[in-house]
PDB file of N, CA and C in Angstrom:
ATOM      1  N   MET A   1      80.703  58.546 -75.287  1.00  0.00           N
ATOM      2  CA  MET A   1      79.292  58.312 -75.476  1.00  0.00           C
ATOM      3  C   MET A   1      79.459  57.085 -76.418  1.00  0.00           C
ATOM      4  N   ALA A   2      80.469  56.989 -77.104  1.00  0.00           N
ATOM      5  CA  ALA A   2      80.417  55.912 -77.881  1.00  0.00           C
ATOM      6  C   ALA A   2      80.982  54.332 -77.050  1.00  0.00           C
ATOM      7  N   ILE A   3      81.367  54.323 -75.822  1.00  0.00           N
ATOM      8  CA  ILE A   3      81.139  53.385 -74.781  1.00  0.00           C
ATOM      9  C   ILE A   3      80.198  53.059 -74.733  1.00  0.00           C
ATOM     10  N   ALA A   4      79.431  53.952 -73.839  1.00  0.00           N
ATOM     11  CA  ALA A   4      78.079  54.223 -73.585  1.00  0.00           C
ATOM     12  C   ALA A   4      76.920  53.179 -74.695  1.00  0.00           C
ATOM     13  N   LEU A   5      76.974  53.776 -75.910  1.00  0.00           N
ATOM     14  CA  LEU A   5      76.294  52.846 -77.014  1.00  0.00           C
ATOM     15  C   LEU A   5      76.669  51.645 -77.494  1.00  0.00           C
ATOM     16  N   LEU A   6      78.333  51.343 -77.150  1.00  0.00           N
ATOM     17  CA  LEU A   6      78.676  49.721 -77.488  1.00  0.00           C
ATOM     18  C   LEU A   6      77.828  48.943 -76.249  1.00  0.00           C
ATOM     19  N   ALA A   7      77.917  49.508 -74.810  1.00  0.00           N
ATOM     20  CA  ALA A   7      77.371  48.766 -73.812  1.00  0.00           C
ATOM     21  C   ALA A   7      75.695  48.536 -73.645  1.00  0.00           C
ATOM     22  N   LEU A   8      75.169  49.554 -74.429  1.00  0.00           N
ATOM     23  CA  LEU A   8      73.699  49.686 -74.712  1.00  0.00           C
ATOM     24  C   LEU A   8      73.621  48.223 -75.922  1.00  0.00           C
ATOM     25  N   VAL A   9      74.484  48.445 -76.663  1.00  0.00           N
ATOM     26  CA  VAL A   9      74.113  47.554 -77.876  1.00  0.00           C
ATOM     27  C   VAL A   9      74.525  46.001 -77.226  1.00  0.00           C
ATOM     28  N   ALA A  10      75.280  45.699 -76.451  1.00  0.00           N
ATOM     29  CA  ALA A  10      75.664  44.447 -75.674  1.00  0.00           C
ATOM     30  C   ALA A  10      74.458  44.239 -74.902  1.00  0.00           C
ATOM     31  N   LEU A  11      74.303  44.793 -74.284  1.00  0.00           N
ATOM     32  CA  LEU A  11      72.991  44.879 -73.531  1.00  0.00           C
ATOM     33  C   LEU A  11      71.733  44.542 -74.197  1.00  0.00           C
ATOM     34  N   VAL A  12      71.247  45.271 -75.111  1.00  0.00           N
ATOM     35  CA  VAL A  12      70.095  44.802 -75.829  1.00  0.00           C
ATOM     36  C   VAL A  12      70.403  43.481 -76.755  1.00  0.00           C
ATOM     37  N   ALA A  13      71.562  43.221 -77.259  1.00  0.00           N
ATOM     38  CA  ALA A  13      72.222  42.051 -77.997  1.00  0.00           C
ATOM     39  C   ALA A  13      71.911  40.808 -77.106  1.00  0.00           C
ATOM     40  N   GLY A  14      72.199  40.880 -75.670  1.00  0.00           N
ATOM     41  CA  GLY A  14      72.480  40.085 -74.769  1.00  0.00           C
ATOM     42  C   GLY A  14      72.679  38.470 -75.474  1.00  0.00           C
ATOM     43  N   PRO A  15      72.435  37.470 -74.035  1.00  0.00           N
ATOM     44  CA  PRO A  15      73.005  36.409 -74.408  1.00  0.00           C
ATOM     45  C   PRO A  15      71.968  35.315 -75.472  1.00  0.00           C
ATOM     46  N   ALA A  16      71.033  35.843 -75.768  1.00  0.00           N
ATOM     47  CA  ALA A  16      70.069  35.102 -76.730  1.00  0.00           C
ATOM     48  C   ALA A  16      70.494  35.393 -78.068  1.00  0.00           C
ATOM     49  N   THR A  17      71.272  35.618 -78.780  1.00  0.00           N
ATOM     50  CA  THR A  17      72.069  35.677 -79.684  1.00  0.00           C
ATOM     51  C   THR A  17      73.071  34.645 -80.341  1.00  0.00           C
ATOM     52  N   ALA A  18      73.483  33.529 -80.463  1.00  0.00           N
ATOM     53  CA  ALA A  18      74.712  33.136 -80.730  1.00  0.00           C
ATOM     54  C   ALA A  18      74.801  32.678 -82.146  1.00  0.00           C
ATOM     55  N   GLY A  19      75.835  32.799 -82.489  1.00  0.00           N
ATOM     56  CA  GLY A  19      76.474  31.374 -83.770  1.00  0.00           C
ATOM     57  C   GLY A  19      77.087  33.079 -84.571  1.00  0.00           C
ATOM     58  N   GLY A  20      77.029  32.527 -85.752  1.00  0.00           N
ATOM     59  CA  GLY A  20      77.292  33.761 -87.075  1.00  0.00           C
ATOM     60  C   GLY A  20      78.628  34.711 -86.636  1.00  0.00           C
ATOM     61  N   GLY A  21      78.545  35.646 -87.534  1.00  0.00           N
ATOM     62  CA  GLY A  21      79.480  36.626 -86.956  1.00  0.00           C
ATOM     63  C   GLY A  21      81.548  35.954 -86.701  1.00  0.00           C
ATOM     64  N   LYS A  22      81.758  36.770 -86.614  1.00  0.00           N
ATOM     65  CA  LYS A  22      83.079  36.718 -86.506  1.00  0.00           C
ATOM     66  C   LYS A  22      83.776  36.165 -85.357  1.00  0.00           C
ATOM     67  N   GLY A  23      84.300  34.940 -85.478  1.00  0.00           N
ATOM     68  CA  GLY A  23      84.698  34.376 -84.294  1.00  0.00           C
ATOM     69  C   GLY A  23      84.087  33.172 -83.511  1.00  0.00           C
ATOM     70  N   SER A  24      82.778  33.040 -84.332  1.00  0.00           N
ATOM     71  CA  SER A  24      81.626  32.119 -84.017  1.00  0.00           C
ATOM     72  C   SER A  24      82.537  30.820 -84.164  1.00  0.00           C
ATOM     73  N   ARG A  25      81.793  29.948 -83.615  1.00  0.00           N
ATOM     74  CA  ARG A  25      81.959  28.349 -83.301  1.00  0.00           C
ATOM     75  C   ARG A  25      81.255  27.885 -84.118  1.00  0.00           C
ATOM     76  N   TYR A  26      79.968  28.478 -84.704  1.00  0.00           N
ATOM     77  CA  TYR A  26      78.732  27.757 -85.437  1.00  0.00           C
ATOM     78  C   TYR A  26      78.605  28.469 -86.620  1.00  0.00           C
ATOM     79  N   PRO A  27      78.290  28.158 -87.524  1.00  0.00           N
ATOM     80  CA  PRO A  27      78.091  28.663 -88.959  1.00  0.00           C
ATOM     81  C   PRO A  27      76.761  29.231 -89.155  1.00  0.00           C
ATOM     82  N   GLY A  28      75.788  29.107 -88.566  1.00  0.00           N
ATOM     83  CA  GLY A  28      74.699  29.229 -88.449  1.00  0.00           C
ATOM     84  C   GLY A  28      73.838  30.562 -87.355  1.00  0.00           C
ATOM     85  N   VAL A  29      73.252  31.203 -87.149  1.00  0.00           N
ATOM     86  CA  VAL A  29      72.439  32.536 -86.315  1.00  0.00           C
ATOM     87  C   VAL A  29      71.291  31.973 -85.581  1.00  0.00           C
ATOM     88  N   LEU A  30      71.132  31.638 -84.377  1.00  0.00           N
ATOM     89  CA  LEU A  30      70.112  30.864 -83.633  1.00  0.00           C
ATOM     90  C   LEU A  30      69.695  32.084 -82.463  1.00  0.00           C
ATOM     91  N   SER A  31      68.375  32.111 -82.732  1.00  0.00           N
ATOM     92  CA  SER A  31      67.993  33.037 -81.611  1.00  0.00           C
ATOM     93  C   SER A  31      66.395  32.719 -80.983  1.00  0.00           C
ATOM     94  N   ALA A  32      66.013  32.802 -79.755  1.00  0.00           N
ATOM     95  CA  ALA A  32      64.809  32.613 -79.303  1.00  0.00           C
ATOM     96  C   ALA A  32      64.449  33.846 -78.923  1.00  0.00           C
ATOM     97  N   THR A  33      62.734  33.836 -78.990  1.00  0.00           N
ATOM     98  CA  THR A  33      62.079  35.363 -79.191  1.00  0.00           C
ATOM     99  C   THR A  33      60.491  34.857 -77.962  1.00  0.00           C
ATOM    100  N   PRO A  34      60.181  35.270 -77.039  1.00  0.00           N
ATOM    101  CA  PRO A  34      61.033  36.303 -76.062  1.00  0.00           C
ATOM    102  C   PRO A  34      62.399  35.495 -75.565  1.00  0.00           C
ATOM    103  N   ASN A  35      63.322  36.195 -75.248  1.00  0.00           N
ATOM    104  CA  ASN A  35      64.369  35.085 -74.474  1.00  0.00           C
ATOM    105  C   ASN A  35      64.434  35.410 -72.721  1.00  0.00           C
ATOM    106  N   VAL A  36      63.070  35.852 -72.569  1.00  0.00           N
ATOM    107  CA  VAL A  36      63.143  36.336 -70.910  1.00  0.00           C
ATOM    108  C   VAL A  36      61.532  35.918 -70.949  1.00  0.00           C
ATOM    109  N   LEU A  37      61.220  34.997 -70.132  1.00  0.00           N
ATOM    110  CA  LEU A  37      59.861  34.562 -69.687  1.00  0.00           C
ATOM    111  C   LEU A  37      59.601  33.640 -68.658  1.00  0.00           C
ATOM    112  N   HIS A  38      58.291  33.192 -68.069  1.00  0.00           N
ATOM    113  CA  HIS A  38      58.092  32.859 -67.421  1.00  0.00           C
ATOM    114  C   HIS A  38      57.748  31.109 -67.613  1.00  0.00           C
ATOM    115  N   ALA A  39      58.005  30.487 -66.572  1.00  0.00           N
ATOM    116  CA  ALA A  39      57.828  29.518 -66.820  1.00  0.00           C
ATOM    117  C   ALA A  39      56.139  28.524 -67.391  1.00  0.00           C
ATOM    118  N   GLY A  40      56.404  28.189 -68.269  1.00  0.00           N
ATOM    119  CA  GLY A  40      54.827  27.756 -68.912  1.00  0.00           C
ATOM    120  C   GLY A  40      54.873  28.356 -70.645  1.00  0.00           C
ATOM    121  N   ASP A  41      55.258  29.698 -70.288  1.00  0.00           N
ATOM    122  CA  ASP A  41      54.883  30.378 -71.593  1.00  0.00           C
ATOM    123  C   ASP A  41      55.800  29.901 -72.694  1.00  0.00           C
ATOM    124  N   SER A  42      55.648  30.249 -73.654  1.00  0.00           N
ATOM    125  CA  SER A  42      55.944  29.902 -75.150  1.00  0.00           C
ATOM    126  C   SER A  42      57.185  30.639 -75.281  1.00  0.00           C
ATOM    127  N   PHE A  43      57.555  30.233 -76.269  1.00  0.00           N
ATOM    128  CA  PHE A  43      58.918  30.815 -77.261  1.00  0.00           C
ATOM    129  C   PHE A  43      58.881  30.556 -78.659  1.00  0.00           C
ATOM    130  N   THR A  44      59.881  31.394 -79.823  1.00  0.00           N
ATOM    131  CA  THR A  44      59.910  31.002 -80.961  1.00  0.00           C
ATOM    132  C   THR A  44      61.276  30.647 -81.210  1.00  0.00           C
ATOM    133  N   VAL A  45      62.045  29.786 -81.768  1.00  0.00           N
ATOM    134  CA  VAL A  45      63.145  29.723 -82.210  1.00  0.00           C
ATOM    135  C   VAL A  45      63.205  29.980 -83.464  1.00  0.00           C
ATOM    136  N   THR A  46      64.236  30.794 -84.186  1.00  0.00           N
ATOM    137  CA  THR A  46      64.513  30.936 -85.594  1.00  0.00           C
ATOM    138  C   THR A  46      66.020  30.782 -85.660  1.00  0.00           C
ATOM    139  N   GLY A  47      66.591  30.358 -87.069  1.00  0.00           N
ATOM    140  CA  GLY A  47      68.056  30.011 -87.270  1.00  0.00           C
ATOM    141  C   GLY A  47      67.862  30.872 -88.709  1.00  0.00           C
ATOM    142  N   CYS A  48      69.412  31.072 -89.338  1.00  0.00           N
ATOM    143  CA  CYS A  48      69.735  31.345 -90.342  1.00  0.00           C
ATOM    144  C   CYS A  48      70.769  31.075 -90.556  1.00  0.00           C
ATOM    145  N   GLY A  49      71.361  30.529 -91.961  1.00  0.00           N
ATOM    146  CA  GLY A  49      72.737  30.622 -92.334  1.00  0.00           C
ATOM    147  C   GLY A  49      73.138  29.416 -91.766  1.00  0.00           C
ATOM    148  N   TYR A  50      72.445  28.340 -91.693  1.00  0.00           N
ATOM    149  CA  TYR A  50      72.658  26.685 -91.663  1.00  0.00           C
ATOM    150  C   TYR A  50      72.668  25.883 -93.045  1.00  0.00           C
ATOM    151  N   GLU A  51      73.521  24.898 -92.942  1.00  0.00           N
ATOM    152  CA  GLU A  51      73.479  24.404 -94.169  1.00  0.00           C
ATOM    153  C   GLU A  51      72.576  23.404 -94.697  1.00  0.00           C
ATOM    154  N   THR A  52      71.908  24.008 -96.239  1.00  0.00           N
ATOM    155  CA  THR A  52      71.180  22.636 -96.372  1.00  0.00           C
ATOM    156  C   THR A  52      71.562  21.602 -96.747  1.00  0.00           C
ATOM    157  N   ALA A  53      72.654  21.539 -97.250  1.00  0.00           N
ATOM    158  CA  ALA A  53      73.193  20.426 -97.486  1.00  0.00           C
ATOM    159  C   ALA A  53      73.018  19.155 -96.438  1.00  0.00           C
ATOM    160  N   LEU A  54      73.440  19.426 -95.216  1.00  0.00           N
ATOM    161  CA  LEU A  54      73.233  18.790 -93.951  1.00  0.00           C
ATOM    162  C   LEU A  54      71.754  18.240 -93.571  1.00  0.00           C
ATOM    163  N   GLY A  55      71.017  19.203 -94.418  1.00  0.00           N
ATOM    164  CA  GLY A  55      69.326  18.559 -94.022  1.00  0.00           C
ATOM    165  C   GLY A  55      68.902  19.127 -92.557  1.00  0.00           C
ATOM    166  N   ASN A  56      67.879  18.565 -92.146  1.00  0.00           N
ATOM    167  CA  ASN A  56      66.635  19.119 -91.273  1.00  0.00           C
ATOM    168  C   ASN A  56      67.759  19.515 -90.062  1.00  0.00           C
ATOM    169  N   VAL A  57      67.334  20.670 -89.403  1.00  0.00           N
ATOM    170  CA  VAL A  57      67.737  20.953 -87.914  1.00  0.00           C
ATOM    171  C   VAL A  57      66.667  20.364 -86.533  1.00  0.00           C
ATOM    172  N   ILE A  58      67.447  19.684 -85.672  1.00  0.00           N
ATOM    173  CA  ILE A  58      66.751  19.508 -84.527  1.00  0.00           C
ATOM    174  C   ILE A  58      67.300  20.646 -83.281  1.00  0.00           C
ATOM    175  N   VAL A  59      66.110  21.083 -82.677  1.00  0.00           N
ATOM    176  CA  VAL A  59      66.409  22.255 -82.068  1.00  0.00           C
ATOM    177  C   VAL A  59      65.655  21.354 -80.495  1.00  0.00           C
ATOM    178  N   GLY A  60      66.962  21.379 -79.674  1.00  0.00           N
ATOM    179  CA  GLY A  60      66.984  20.862 -78.331  1.00  0.00           C
ATOM    180  C   GLY A  60      66.592  21.525 -77.331  1.00  0.00           C
ATOM    181  N   PHE A  61      66.050  21.638 -76.137  1.00  0.00           N
ATOM    182  CA  PHE A  61      65.462  22.517 -75.030  1.00  0.00           C
ATOM    183  C   PHE A  61      65.027  21.574 -73.889  1.00  0.00           C
ATOM    184  N   THR A  62      65.517  22.171 -72.547  1.00  0.00           N
ATOM    185  CA  THR A  62      65.147  21.040 -71.606  1.00  0.00           C
ATOM    186  C   THR A  62      63.880  20.152 -71.871  1.00  0.00           C
ATOM    187  N   GLY A  63      63.931  19.006 -71.531  1.00  0.00           N
ATOM    188  CA  GLY A  63      62.619  18.390 -71.356  1.00  0.00           C
ATOM    189  C   GLY A  63      62.178  18.039 -73.256  1.00  0.00           C
ATOM    190  N   GLY A  64      62.717  18.828 -74.256  1.00  0.00           N
ATOM    191  CA  GLY A  64      62.244  17.922 -75.715  1.00  0.00           C
ATOM    192  C   GLY A  64      62.880  18.501 -76.509  1.00  0.00           C
ATOM    193  N   ALA A  65      62.381  18.318 -77.800  1.00  0.00           N
ATOM    194  CA  ALA A  65      63.209  18.370 -79.191  1.00  0.00           C
ATOM    195  C   ALA A  65      62.285  18.830 -80.443  1.00  0.00           C
ATOM    196  N   TRP A  66      62.398  19.468 -81.006  1.00  0.00           N
ATOM    197  CA  TRP A  66      61.822  19.799 -82.440  1.00  0.00           C
ATOM    198  C   TRP A  66      62.598  19.996 -83.769  1.00  0.00           C
ATOM    199  N   GLY A  67      61.841  19.334 -84.389  1.00  0.00           N
ATOM    200  CA  GLY A  67      62.786  19.020 -86.152  1.00  0.00           C
ATOM    201  C   GLY A  67      61.808  20.163 -86.920  1.00  0.00           C
ATOM    202  N   SER A  68      62.614  20.976 -87.820  1.00  0.00           N
ATOM    203  CA  SER A  68      62.354  21.883 -88.736  1.00  0.00           C
ATOM    204  C   SER A  68      63.030  21.640 -90.231  1.00  0.00           C
ATOM    205  N   PRO A  69      62.536  21.388 -91.243  1.00  0.00           N
ATOM    206  CA  PRO A  69      63.304  21.705 -92.121  1.00  0.00           C
ATOM    207  C   PRO A  69      63.670  22.720 -92.485  1.00  0.00           C
ATOM    208  N   LEU A  70      64.753  23.197 -93.359  1.00  0.00           N
ATOM    209  CA  LEU A  70      66.022  24.328 -93.770  1.00  0.00           C
ATOM    210  C   LEU A  70      65.041  24.823 -95.252  1.00  0.00           C
ATOM    211  N   ASP A  71      64.859  26.309 -95.381  1.00  0.00           N
ATOM    212  CA  ASP A  71      64.028  26.744 -96.582  1.00  0.00           C
ATOM    213  C   ASP A  71      65.377  26.324 -97.771  1.00  0.00           C
ATOM    214  N   PRO A  72      65.306  26.952 -98.615  1.00  0.00           N
ATOM    215  CA  PRO A  72      66.646  27.490 -99.215  1.00  0.00           C
ATOM    216  C   PRO A  72      67.496  28.154 -98.872  1.00  0.00           C
ATOM    217  N   ASN A  73      67.261  28.947 -98.397  1.00  0.00           N
ATOM    218  CA  ASN A  73      68.885  30.114 -97.583  1.00  0.00           C
ATOM    219  C   ASN A  73      69.133  29.422 -96.290  1.00  0.00           C
ATOM    220  N   GLY A  74      68.822  28.155 -95.712  1.00  0.00           N
ATOM    221  CA  GLY A  74      69.173  27.497 -94.812  1.00  0.00           C
ATOM    222  C   GLY A  74      68.414  28.241 -93.269  1.00  0.00           C
ATOM    223  N   CYS A  75      67.206  28.863 -93.382  1.00  0.00           N
ATOM    224  CA  CYS A  75      66.921  29.475 -92.531  1.00  0.00           C
ATOM    225  C   CYS A  75      65.450  28.646 -91.975  1.00  0.00           C
ATOM    226  N   PHE A  76      65.051  28.861 -90.426  1.00  0.00           N
ATOM    227  CA  PHE A  76      63.868  27.849 -90.313  1.00  0.00           C
ATOM    228  C   PHE A  76      63.194  28.625 -89.124  1.00  0.00           C
ATOM    229  N   THR A  77      62.171  28.463 -88.933  1.00  0.00           N
ATOM    230  CA  THR A  77      61.337  29.178 -87.684  1.00  0.00           C
ATOM    231  C   THR A  77      60.733  27.564 -86.622  1.00  0.00           C
ATOM    232  N   ILE A  78      60.748  27.850 -85.260  1.00  0.00           N
ATOM    233  CA  ILE A  78      59.793  26.953 -84.942  1.00  0.00           C
ATOM    234  C   ILE A  78      59.020  27.544 -83.573  1.00  0.00           C
ATOM    235  N   PRO A  79      57.717  27.858 -83.753  1.00  0.00           N
ATOM    236  CA  PRO A  79      56.810  28.530 -83.003  1.00  0.00           C
ATOM    237  C   PRO A  79      56.216  27.539 -82.117  1.00  0.00           C
ATOM    238  N   GLY A  80      55.940  28.336 -80.566  1.00  0.00           N
ATOM    239  CA  GLY A  80      55.345  27.545 -79.806  1.00  0.00           C
ATOM    240  C   GLY A  80      56.169  26.661 -78.916  1.00  0.00           C
ATOM    241  N   ILE A  81      57.374  26.757 -78.577  1.00  0.00           N
ATOM    242  CA  ILE A  81      58.297  25.934 -77.611  1.00  0.00           C
ATOM    243  C   ILE A  81      58.374  26.427 -76.055  1.00  0.00           C
ATOM    244  N   PRO A  82      56.799  25.317 -75.741  1.00  0.00           N
ATOM    245  CA  PRO A  82      56.867  25.535 -74.353  1.00  0.00           C
ATOM    246  C   PRO A  82      58.283  25.599 -73.306  1.00  0.00           C
ATOM    247  N   ALA A  83      58.292  26.745 -72.382  1.00  0.00           N
ATOM    248  CA  ALA A  83      59.135  26.486 -71.146  1.00  0.00           C
ATOM    249  C   ALA A  83      58.951  25.747 -70.064  1.00  0.00           C
ATOM    250  N   LEU A  84      58.682  24.539 -70.369  1.00  0.00           N
ATOM    251  CA  LEU A  84      58.168  23.423 -69.359  1.00  0.00           C
ATOM    252  C   LEU A  84      59.675  21.995 -69.189  1.00  0.00           C
ATOM    253  N   SER A  85      59.528  21.285 -68.282  1.00  0.00           N
ATOM    254  CA  SER A  85      60.048  20.310 -67.824  1.00  0.00           C
ATOM    255  C   SER A  85      59.233  19.760 -66.965  1.00  0.00           C
ATOM    256  N   GLY A  86      58.059  18.866 -67.557  1.00  0.00           N
ATOM    257  CA  GLY A  86      57.864  18.183 -66.406  1.00  0.00           C
ATOM    258  C   GLY A  86      56.663  19.360 -66.137  1.00  0.00           C
ATOM    259  N   ASP A  87      56.373  19.060 -64.662  1.00  0.00           N
ATOM    260  CA  ASP A  87      55.625  20.245 -64.322  1.00  0.00           C
ATOM    261  C   ASP A  87      55.644  21.596 -64.291  1.00  0.00           C
ATOM    262  N   THR A  88      56.996  21.880 -63.806  1.00  0.00           N
ATOM    263  CA  THR A  88      57.422  22.819 -63.752  1.00  0.00           C
ATOM    264  C   THR A  88      59.306  23.164 -63.873  1.00  0.00           C
ATOM    265  N   LEU A  89      59.118  24.557 -64.330  1.00  0.00           N
ATOM    266  CA  LEU A  89      60.939  24.853 -65.121  1.00  0.00           C
ATOM    267  C   LEU A  89      60.866  26.266 -63.862  1.00  0.00           C
ATOM    268  N   PRO A  90      62.055  25.744 -62.740  1.00  0.00           N
ATOM    269  CA  PRO A  90      62.738  26.651 -61.806  1.00  0.00           C
ATOM    270  C   PRO A  90      63.251  28.141 -62.677  1.00  0.00           C
ATOM    271  N   ALA A  91      63.374  28.951 -62.266  1.00  0.00           N
ATOM    272  CA  ALA A  91      63.933  30.148 -62.646  1.00  0.00           C
ATOM    273  C   ALA A  91      65.511  30.041 -62.741  1.00  0.00           C
ATOM    274  N   GLY A  92      65.952  30.170 -64.028  1.00  0.00           N
ATOM    275  CA  GLY A  92      67.472  30.135 -64.566  1.00  0.00           C
ATOM    276  C   GLY A  92      67.535  30.902 -65.709  1.00  0.00           C
ATOM    277  N   SER A  93      68.684  30.224 -66.539  1.00  0.00           N
ATOM    278  CA  SER A  93      68.970  30.397 -68.022  1.00  0.00           C
ATOM    279  C   SER A  93      69.298  28.969 -68.285  1.00  0.00           C
ATOM    280  N   TYR A  94      68.900  28.540 -69.748  1.00  0.00           N
ATOM    281  CA  TYR A  94      68.380  27.515 -70.263  1.00  0.00           C
ATOM    282  C   TYR A  94      69.201  27.598 -71.461  1.00  0.00           C
ATOM    283  N   GLU A  95      70.065  26.703 -71.974  1.00  0.00           N
ATOM    284  CA  GLU A  95      70.321  26.499 -73.408  1.00  0.00           C
ATOM    285  C   GLU A  95      69.417  26.049 -74.289  1.00  0.00           C
ATOM    286  N   VAL A  96      69.262  26.615 -75.396  1.00  0.00           N
ATOM    287  CA  VAL A  96      69.021  25.979 -76.588  1.00  0.00           C
ATOM    288  C   VAL A  96      69.658  25.474 -77.706  1.00  0.00           C
ATOM    289  N   THR A  97      69.500  24.547 -78.331  1.00  0.00           N
ATOM    290  CA  THR A  97      70.437  24.283 -79.326  1.00  0.00           C
ATOM    291  C   THR A  97      69.853  24.132 -80.471  1.00  0.00           C
ATOM    292  N   ALA A  98      70.724  23.896 -81.254  1.00  0.00           N
ATOM    293  CA  ALA A  98      70.202  23.559 -82.924  1.00  0.00           C
ATOM    294  C   ALA A  98      71.064  22.058 -83.280  1.00  0.00           C
ATOM    295  N   SER A  99      70.500  21.200 -83.921  1.00  0.00           N
ATOM    296  CA  SER A  99      71.218  20.320 -84.464  1.00  0.00           C
ATOM    297  C   SER A  99      71.470  19.675 -85.395  1.00  0.00           C
ATOM    298  N   GLN A 100      72.474  19.198 -86.428  1.00  0.00           N
ATOM    299  CA  GLN A 100      72.632  18.766 -88.044  1.00  0.00           C
ATOM    300  C   GLN A 100      73.619  17.321 -87.920  1.00  0.00           C
ATOM    301  N   VAL A 101      73.027  16.604 -88.742  1.00  0.00           N
ATOM    302  CA  VAL A 101      74.178  15.556 -89.031  1.00  0.00           C
ATOM    303  C   VAL A 101      75.377  16.043 -89.347  1.00  0.00           C
ATOM    304  N   VAL A 102      76.448  15.893 -89.141  1.00  0.00           N
ATOM    305  CA  VAL A 102      77.285  16.285 -89.973  1.00  0.00           C
ATOM    306  C   VAL A 102      78.564  14.978 -89.916  1.00  0.00           C
ATOM    307  N   ARG A 103      78.997  14.426 -90.782  1.00  0.00           N
ATOM    308  CA  ARG A 103      79.980  12.943 -91.174  1.00  0.00           C
ATOM    309  C   ARG A 103      79.075  11.992 -90.309  1.00  0.00           C
ATOM    310  N   ASN A 104      77.491  11.682 -90.656  1.00  0.00           N
ATOM    311  CA  ASN A 104      76.886  10.930 -89.961  1.00  0.00           C
ATOM    312  C   ASN A 104      76.715  10.793 -88.146  1.00  0.00           C
ATOM    313  N   ARG A 105      76.921  12.194 -87.854  1.00  0.00           N
ATOM    314  CA  ARG A 105      76.740  12.100 -86.318  1.00  0.00           C
ATOM    315  C   ARG A 105      76.142  13.311 -85.863  1.00  0.00           C
ATOM    316  N   TRP A 106      75.109  13.391 -85.149  1.00  0.00           N
ATOM    317  CA  TRP A 106      74.434  14.928 -84.768  1.00  0.00           C
ATOM    318  C   TRP A 106      75.781  15.732 -84.239  1.00  0.00           C
ATOM    319  N   LYS A 107      75.441  17.172 -84.389  1.00  0.00           N
ATOM    320  CA  LYS A 107      76.065  17.568 -83.715  1.00  0.00           C
ATOM    321  C   LYS A 107      75.501  19.139 -83.387  1.00  0.00           C
ATOM    322  N   VAL A 108      75.987  19.772 -82.589  1.00  0.00           N
ATOM    323  CA  VAL A 108      75.395  21.082 -82.279  1.00  0.00           C
ATOM    324  C   VAL A 108      75.880  22.035 -83.462  1.00  0.00           C
ATOM    325  N   THR A 109      74.919  22.577 -84.120  1.00  0.00           N
ATOM    326  CA  THR A 109      75.430  24.027 -85.144  1.00  0.00           C
ATOM    327  C   THR A 109      75.042  25.216 -84.597  1.00  0.00           C
ATOM    328  N   GLY A 110      74.150  25.297 -83.362  1.00  0.00           N
ATOM    329  CA  GLY A 110      73.885  26.609 -83.203  1.00  0.00           C
ATOM    330  C   GLY A 110      73.217  26.435 -81.621  1.00  0.00           C
ATOM    331  N   GLU A 111      73.667  27.539 -80.977  1.00  0.00           N
ATOM    332  CA  GLU A 111      73.150  27.882 -79.420  1.00  0.00           C
ATOM    333  C   GLU A 111      72.794  28.964 -79.142  1.00  0.00           C
ATOM    334  N   THR A 112      71.437  28.896 -78.162  1.00  0.00           N
ATOM    335  CA  THR A 112      71.285  30.434 -77.777  1.00  0.00           C
ATOM    336  C   THR A 112      70.493  29.993 -76.130  1.00  0.00           C
ATOM    337  N   TYR A 113      70.546  31.024 -75.780  1.00  0.00           N
ATOM    338  CA  TYR A 113      69.615  30.820 -74.283  1.00  0.00           C
ATOM    339  C   TYR A 113      68.549  31.165 -74.034  1.00  0.00           C
ATOM    340  N   VAL A 114      67.389  30.994 -72.979  1.00  0.00           N
ATOM    341  CA  VAL A 114      66.104  31.859 -72.621  1.00  0.00           C
ATOM    342  C   VAL A 114      66.465  32.053 -71.392  1.00  0.00           C
ATOM    343  N   THR A 115      65.885  32.915 -70.334  1.00  0.00           N
ATOM    344  CA  THR A 115      66.140  33.126 -68.925  1.00  0.00           C
ATOM    345  C   THR A 115      64.517  32.883 -68.571  1.00  0.00           C
ATOM    346  N   VAL A 116      64.502  32.080 -68.076  1.00  0.00           N
ATOM    347  CA  VAL A 116      62.838  31.810 -67.172  1.00  0.00           C
ATOM    348  C   VAL A 116      62.665  32.705 -65.793  1.00  0.00           C
ATOM    349  N   LEU A 117      62.450  33.187 -65.683  1.00  0.00           N
ATOM    350  CA  LEU A 117      61.853  34.198 -64.146  1.00  0.00           C
ATOM    351  C   LEU A 117      61.092  33.089 -63.619  1.00  0.00           C
ATOM    352  N   GLY A 118      61.224  33.408 -62.152  1.00  0.00           N
ATOM    353  CA  GLY A 118      60.383  32.516 -60.829  1.00  0.00           C
ATOM    354  C   GLY A 118      59.554  33.706 -60.679  1.00  0.00           C
TER     355      GLY A 118
END
């Protein structure tokens, strides 16, 4: 029963949440909602636990980038990111990244994935 529950939790959590937690290479948690969509649909990216002293966050997704200030808790939300790259986006899994300026250079500080259905 415990193994089945763990498998269910892993399936529900899926790859759309990265960062945070023990052993993560990023300080913050980044997620995309919905994380499974069709080309042309829009999704929202949220993040929390980012270092406010580093300033704004830039979210990158194939074909574009969107900026957001952080609230006092190091959180942000960017709604309405289109799943487009030019005219169409083929089915597949795509990385979504968050970046901040660390030691005068843009550095990825979070990542997650969205799946585009065909």
